[in-house]
Protein backbone atom coordinates (compact mmCIF):
# COMPACT_ATOMS: atom_id res chain seq x y z
CA MET A 1 -0.02 0.01 0.14
CA ILE A 2 1.48 3.26 -0.98
CA ASN A 3 0.53 6.77 -1.71
CA VAL A 4 2.47 9.97 -2.92
CA ALA A 5 3.55 10.83 0.76
CA SER A 6 4.78 7.48 1.56
CA LEU A 7 6.73 7.14 -1.69
CA ILE A 8 8.60 10.33 -0.87
CA HIS A 9 9.11 9.25 2.68
CA ARG A 10 10.55 5.83 1.48
CA LEU A 11 12.94 7.56 -0.93
CA ARG A 12 14.07 10.15 1.93
CA THR A 13 14.53 7.49 4.41
CA VAL A 14 16.97 5.15 2.52
CA PRO A 15 20.24 5.28 4.26
CA GLU A 16 23.11 7.32 2.56
CA ARG A 17 25.22 4.04 2.39
CA SER A 18 22.65 2.66 0.05
CA LYS A 19 23.51 5.35 -2.55
CA ALA A 20 19.96 5.52 -3.91
CA LYS A 21 18.88 7.22 -7.05
CA ALA A 22 15.38 7.42 -8.88
CA TRP A 23 14.43 8.27 -12.14
CA VAL A 24 11.13 8.70 -14.08
CA ALA A 25 10.05 8.64 -17.64
CA GLU A 26 7.54 11.18 -19.06
CA VAL A 27 5.20 11.27 -21.96
CA ASP A 28 3.40 14.60 -22.66
CA GLY A 29 4.46 16.00 -19.29
CA ARG A 30 2.95 12.80 -17.49
CA VAL A 31 4.96 10.25 -15.63
CA VAL A 32 4.55 6.84 -17.08
CA GLY A 33 7.55 4.98 -15.63
CA ARG A 34 10.17 4.86 -13.02
CA VAL A 35 13.27 2.91 -11.91
CA ASP A 36 15.08 3.10 -8.62
CA CYS A 37 18.36 1.84 -7.73
CA PHE A 38 20.08 1.36 -4.43
CA LEU A 39 22.27 -1.14 -2.40
CA SER A 40 20.53 -3.32 0.24
CA LEU A 41 19.20 -1.37 3.09
CA PHE A 42 20.22 -3.96 5.68
CA GLU A 43 23.81 -4.80 5.03
CA THR A 44 26.64 -2.16 5.44
CA GLU A 45 28.78 -3.71 2.99
CA SER A 46 26.06 -4.79 0.46
CA ARG A 47 26.83 -5.67 -3.25
CA ILE A 48 23.24 -6.25 -3.89
CA ALA A 49 21.50 -3.54 -5.86
CA LEU A 50 17.72 -3.35 -6.20
CA VAL A 51 16.52 -2.13 -9.54
CA PRO A 52 12.81 -2.13 -9.64
CA VAL A 53 11.13 -0.87 -13.01
CA ALA A 54 7.59 0.15 -13.33
CA VAL A 55 5.77 1.27 -16.48
CA ARG A 56 2.02 2.31 -16.78
CA GLU A 57 0.21 -0.63 -18.51
CA GLU A 58 -0.77 1.68 -21.59
CA HIS A 59 2.64 2.68 -22.23
CA ARG A 60 4.32 -0.70 -22.16
CA GLY A 61 5.95 -2.39 -25.24
CA ARG A 62 7.56 0.95 -26.42
CA GLY A 63 10.91 0.51 -24.87
CA ILE A 64 10.41 2.62 -21.98
CA GLY A 65 10.87 -0.08 -19.52
CA SER A 66 14.26 -1.15 -21.17
CA ALA A 67 15.50 2.42 -21.23
CA LEU A 68 14.77 2.73 -17.65
CA TYR A 69 16.35 -0.43 -16.84
CA GLU A 70 19.65 0.48 -18.53
CA ILE A 71 19.58 3.66 -16.53
CA GLY A 72 19.46 1.78 -13.33
CA LEU A 73 21.96 -0.83 -14.40
CA THR A 74 24.44 2.00 -15.09
CA HIS A 75 23.98 3.37 -11.67
CA ALA A 76 24.33 -0.06 -10.28
CA ARG A 77 27.63 -0.47 -11.71
CA SER A 78 28.71 2.76 -10.55
CA ILE A 79 28.06 2.00 -6.91
CA GLY A 80 29.76 -1.50 -7.16
CA ALA A 81 26.91 -3.78 -7.17
CA GLU A 82 27.72 -7.47 -8.04
CA GLN A 83 24.16 -8.63 -8.06
CA LEU A 84 20.86 -7.23 -8.92
CA LEU A 85 17.58 -7.82 -7.55
CA VAL A 86 13.85 -6.96 -8.75
CA SER A 87 10.67 -7.71 -6.87
CA PHE A 88 7.14 -7.20 -8.19
CA HIS A 89 3.61 -8.67 -8.39
CA GLU A 90 3.89 -11.85 -10.39
CA ASN A 91 2.69 -11.29 -13.99
CA ALA A 92 3.83 -12.89 -17.33
CA ALA A 93 5.25 -9.70 -18.98
CA GLY A 94 7.16 -8.76 -15.92
CA VAL A 95 8.77 -12.26 -15.53
CA ALA A 96 9.72 -12.31 -19.21
CA PHE A 97 11.06 -8.84 -18.85
CA ALA A 98 13.38 -9.94 -15.97
CA ARG A 99 14.10 -13.22 -17.46
CA SER A 100 15.24 -11.92 -20.71
CA ARG A 101 17.87 -9.97 -18.73
CA GLY A 102 19.44 -12.83 -17.03
CA PHE A 103 17.28 -12.83 -13.74
CA GLU A 104 16.30 -15.94 -12.10
CA GLN A 105 13.55 -16.22 -9.31
CA VAL A 106 14.80 -16.77 -5.95
CA ARG A 107 11.95 -16.17 -3.65
CA ALA A 108 8.21 -15.63 -3.63
CA GLU A 109 5.59 -14.08 -1.12
CA THR A 110 1.78 -14.66 -0.96
CA GLU A 111 -0.30 -11.65 -0.94
CA SER A 112 -3.60 -12.06 0.85
CA SER A 113 -6.45 -9.68 1.97
CA LEU A 114 -9.54 -9.69 4.17
CA ASP A 115 -12.42 -7.66 5.28
CA PRO A 116 -11.70 -6.95 8.99
CA ARG A 117 -15.30 -6.45 9.66
CA ARG A 118 -15.93 -10.05 8.91
CA VAL A 119 -13.45 -11.36 11.71
CA GLN A 120 -15.16 -12.40 14.74
CA GLN A 121 -12.45 -14.10 16.58
CA LEU A 122 -11.20 -12.28 19.42
CA PRO A 123 -7.54 -12.06 20.89
CA PRO A 124 -7.08 -14.84 23.57
CA GLU A 125 -7.95 -13.70 27.12
CA GLY A 126 -5.05 -13.06 29.25
CA VAL A 127 -2.62 -11.83 26.71
CA ASP A 128 -1.09 -8.34 27.79
CA LEU A 129 -1.87 -6.37 24.53
CA ARG A 130 -0.86 -2.72 24.25
CA PRO A 131 -1.02 -0.36 21.27
CA LEU A 132 2.10 1.48 20.39
CA THR A 133 0.57 4.52 21.69
CA ALA A 134 0.87 3.02 25.12
CA ALA A 135 4.17 1.39 24.81
CA ASP A 136 7.93 2.25 24.51
CA PRO A 137 8.74 2.13 20.78
CA ARG A 138 12.12 0.75 21.50
CA ASP A 139 10.29 -2.49 22.67
CA ALA A 140 8.81 -2.62 19.23
CA TYR A 141 12.05 -2.06 17.69
CA ASP A 142 13.62 -4.90 19.80
CA VAL A 143 11.10 -7.30 18.66
CA ASP A 144 11.16 -6.32 14.86
CA MET A 145 14.89 -6.71 14.81
CA GLU A 146 14.88 -10.08 16.35
CA ALA A 147 11.77 -11.34 14.48
CA THR A 148 13.01 -9.90 10.96
CA ALA A 149 16.34 -11.39 11.39
CA ASP A 150 14.68 -14.88 11.08
CA MET A 151 12.45 -14.09 8.24
CA PRO A 152 13.33 -15.52 4.82
CA SER A 153 14.95 -12.99 2.69
CA THR A 154 17.34 -12.76 -0.34
CA GLU A 155 19.01 -9.77 1.18
CA PRO A 156 21.42 -10.52 4.28
CA PHE A 157 19.94 -8.81 7.39
CA GLU A 158 22.31 -7.14 9.93
CA GLY A 159 19.68 -5.17 11.54
CA MET A 160 19.44 -1.33 11.53
CA ALA A 161 20.11 1.34 14.08
CA TYR A 162 17.16 2.47 16.20
CA GLU A 163 17.28 5.91 14.62
CA GLU A 164 16.88 4.51 11.14
CA TRP A 165 14.29 2.28 12.32
CA GLU A 166 12.43 5.22 13.78
CA GLY A 167 12.58 7.22 10.67
CA HIS A 168 11.54 4.31 8.42
CA VAL A 169 8.87 3.02 10.47
CA LEU A 170 7.44 5.41 13.08
CA ARG A 171 7.44 8.40 10.81
CA HIS A 172 6.15 6.68 7.86
CA PRO A 173 3.07 8.76 6.62
CA LEU A 174 0.59 5.92 6.91
CA PHE A 175 2.06 4.28 9.99
CA THR A 176 -0.72 3.81 12.70
CA ALA A 177 0.57 3.40 16.19
CA ALA A 178 -2.92 3.14 17.58
CA GLY A 179 -3.57 0.12 15.31
CA SER A 180 0.06 -1.49 16.05
CA PHE A 181 0.28 -3.79 18.97
CA LEU A 182 2.69 -5.44 21.25
CA ALA A 183 2.09 -8.49 23.36
CA PHE A 184 4.02 -8.70 26.68
CA VAL A 185 4.83 -11.56 28.85
CA ASP A 186 5.92 -11.04 32.23
CA GLY A 187 6.68 -7.45 31.30
CA GLU A 188 8.81 -8.44 28.45
CA ALA A 189 7.86 -7.25 24.86
CA ALA A 190 7.35 -10.70 23.09
CA ALA A 191 5.28 -10.02 19.76
CA LEU A 192 4.68 -7.22 17.39
CA SER A 193 2.07 -6.28 14.64
CA LEU A 194 2.77 -3.21 12.74
CA LEU A 195 -0.15 -1.45 10.64
CA THR A 196 -0.28 1.09 8.07
CA ALA A 197 -3.67 2.48 7.28
CA ASP A 198 -5.08 4.87 4.84
CA ALA A 199 -8.48 6.31 6.14
CA GLU A 200 -9.30 7.86 2.92
CA SER A 201 -9.24 4.67 0.93
CA GLY A 202 -10.29 2.35 3.69
CA ARG A 203 -7.28 0.22 3.25
CA ALA A 204 -4.66 -1.02 5.57
CA MET A 205 -1.73 -3.32 5.62
CA ASN A 206 -0.24 -5.70 8.16
CA TRP A 207 3.29 -4.34 7.66
CA MET A 208 4.94 -6.80 9.83
CA THR A 209 4.12 -9.39 12.42
CA GLY A 210 6.60 -11.44 14.40
CA THR A 211 7.50 -13.09 17.69
CA ARG A 212 10.86 -13.22 19.60
CA ARG A 213 12.33 -16.55 19.58
CA ALA A 214 11.72 -17.37 23.31
CA TYR A 215 7.98 -16.77 22.98
CA ARG A 216 7.11 -18.62 19.81
CA GLY A 217 4.45 -21.18 19.79
CA ARG A 218 2.28 -19.52 22.35
CA GLY A 219 -0.24 -17.95 19.81
CA LEU A 220 1.09 -14.42 20.30
CA ALA A 221 1.39 -13.45 16.68
CA LEU A 222 -2.10 -14.52 16.18
CA ALA A 223 -3.07 -12.28 19.19
CA VAL A 224 -1.31 -9.09 18.15
CA LYS A 225 -2.82 -9.64 14.59
CA LEU A 226 -6.14 -9.96 15.74
CA ALA A 227 -5.89 -6.72 17.81
CA SER A 228 -4.83 -4.89 14.72
CA ILE A 229 -7.67 -6.29 12.71
CA HIS A 230 -10.28 -5.31 15.27
CA TRP A 231 -8.78 -1.80 15.51
CA ALA A 232 -8.98 -1.63 11.85
CA ALA A 233 -12.74 -2.96 11.69
CA ALA A 234 -13.48 -0.12 14.23
CA ASN A 235 -11.89 2.52 12.36
CA GLY A 236 -13.24 2.54 9.00
CA ILE A 237 -10.92 0.09 7.26
CA THR A 238 -12.63 -2.33 4.71
CA ARG A 239 -9.95 -4.02 3.40
CA MET A 240 -6.50 -5.31 4.85
CA PHE A 241 -3.40 -6.68 3.06
CA THR A 242 -0.64 -8.79 4.00
CA TYR A 243 2.63 -10.35 2.43
CA ASN A 244 4.20 -13.56 3.75
CA ASP A 245 7.04 -15.66 2.57
CA ALA A 246 5.50 -18.48 0.43
CA THR A 247 7.40 -21.03 2.67
CA ASN A 248 6.31 -19.57 6.03
CA ALA A 249 3.70 -22.23 6.85
CA PRO A 250 2.89 -21.21 10.27
CA MET A 251 1.83 -17.51 9.35
CA LEU A 252 0.06 -18.62 6.20
CA ALA A 253 -2.00 -21.05 8.48
CA VAL A 254 -2.84 -18.15 10.76
CA ASN A 255 -4.09 -16.07 7.82
CA ARG A 256 -6.15 -18.71 6.62
CA ARG A 257 -7.84 -19.32 9.88
CA LEU A 258 -8.50 -15.44 10.06
CA GLY A 259 -10.13 -15.40 6.49
CA TYR A 260 -7.48 -13.91 4.38
CA GLU A 261 -7.97 -14.78 0.62
CA PRO A 262 -4.92 -15.12 -1.56
CA LEU A 263 -4.53 -12.51 -4.22
CA GLY A 264 -1.46 -13.58 -5.96
CA ARG A 265 2.33 -13.76 -5.45
CA ARG A 266 5.20 -11.14 -5.17
CA VAL A 267 8.25 -12.64 -6.78
CA GLU A 268 11.86 -11.73 -6.37
CA LEU A 269 14.41 -12.30 -9.15
CA LEU A 270 18.17 -12.18 -8.84
CA LYS A 271 20.75 -11.67 -11.51
CA GLU A 272 24.56 -12.29 -10.98
CA GLY A 273 26.71 -9.67 -12.27
CA THR A 274 25.85 -6.42 -14.06
CA ALA A 275 26.42 -7.20 -17.47
CA SER A 276 24.05 -5.70 -19.99
CA SER A 277 21.64 -8.45 -21.68
CA GLN A 278 21.67 -8.77 -25.47
CA ALA A 279 18.39 -10.25 -25.48
CA GLN A 280 15.32 -8.98 -27.27
CA PRO A 281 13.58 -6.62 -24.94
CA ALA A 282 10.36 -7.81 -23.51
CA PRO A 283 7.47 -5.62 -22.49
CA ALA A 284 8.05 -3.56 -19.34
CA ARG A 285 5.87 -4.65 -16.38
């Protein structure tokens, strides 16, 4: 889920070490495509560059995506990238575009959604649940760092400084502290669900749900997720989205029990090296 403010925020909060740049393509004064290029956000000595290319559907097949990709590729070489990574909602044209340039799929996420107003299940009694408006954000940071370190990822995760996390998460224009919840066990922060929400569109996203290692297997991830869902239902949200690694069976099972419906997959494709492909260009996604 993204809007103009959140896109600008994302670009502004990319760490300087990632050497990020972004370009757009215009037709008759209207932006019809864009490419970003930056080194991994979570590894200080990263040699993986993300090079996402996007072109509006009605302008595909005209070479715009190919031109944007070459611009991003040039920047990737200039910042010392040794691998290239792209991620997008799976579609035939996008996959063909990436594969023709030497990319191979390495990971996939399942995208799901539900209407929070239809969820009747309540968080289990006895769980100490607190919205982030009533908790120390550093507790949320600690849970996020430990849980994220164990999540499947193409990019190595070395963590991030609290100040970077604060800027990336707490200052995100759509971040909703009142709808984000921590679960505590004996006073210790154990599980976390982060929520972004857009009241205007009635949409929200489970940004991240995770549990610290010592507290897994107790249903705490379900508890914090249910707390966020019920907050959303009570605050005008009619559709919630979430992404989970396709191999994360426990969380996918939680989603099924809650009534999430699969919408498709988000795929990651990786390319070794930064050589330009000589293959015929495929339509830009």
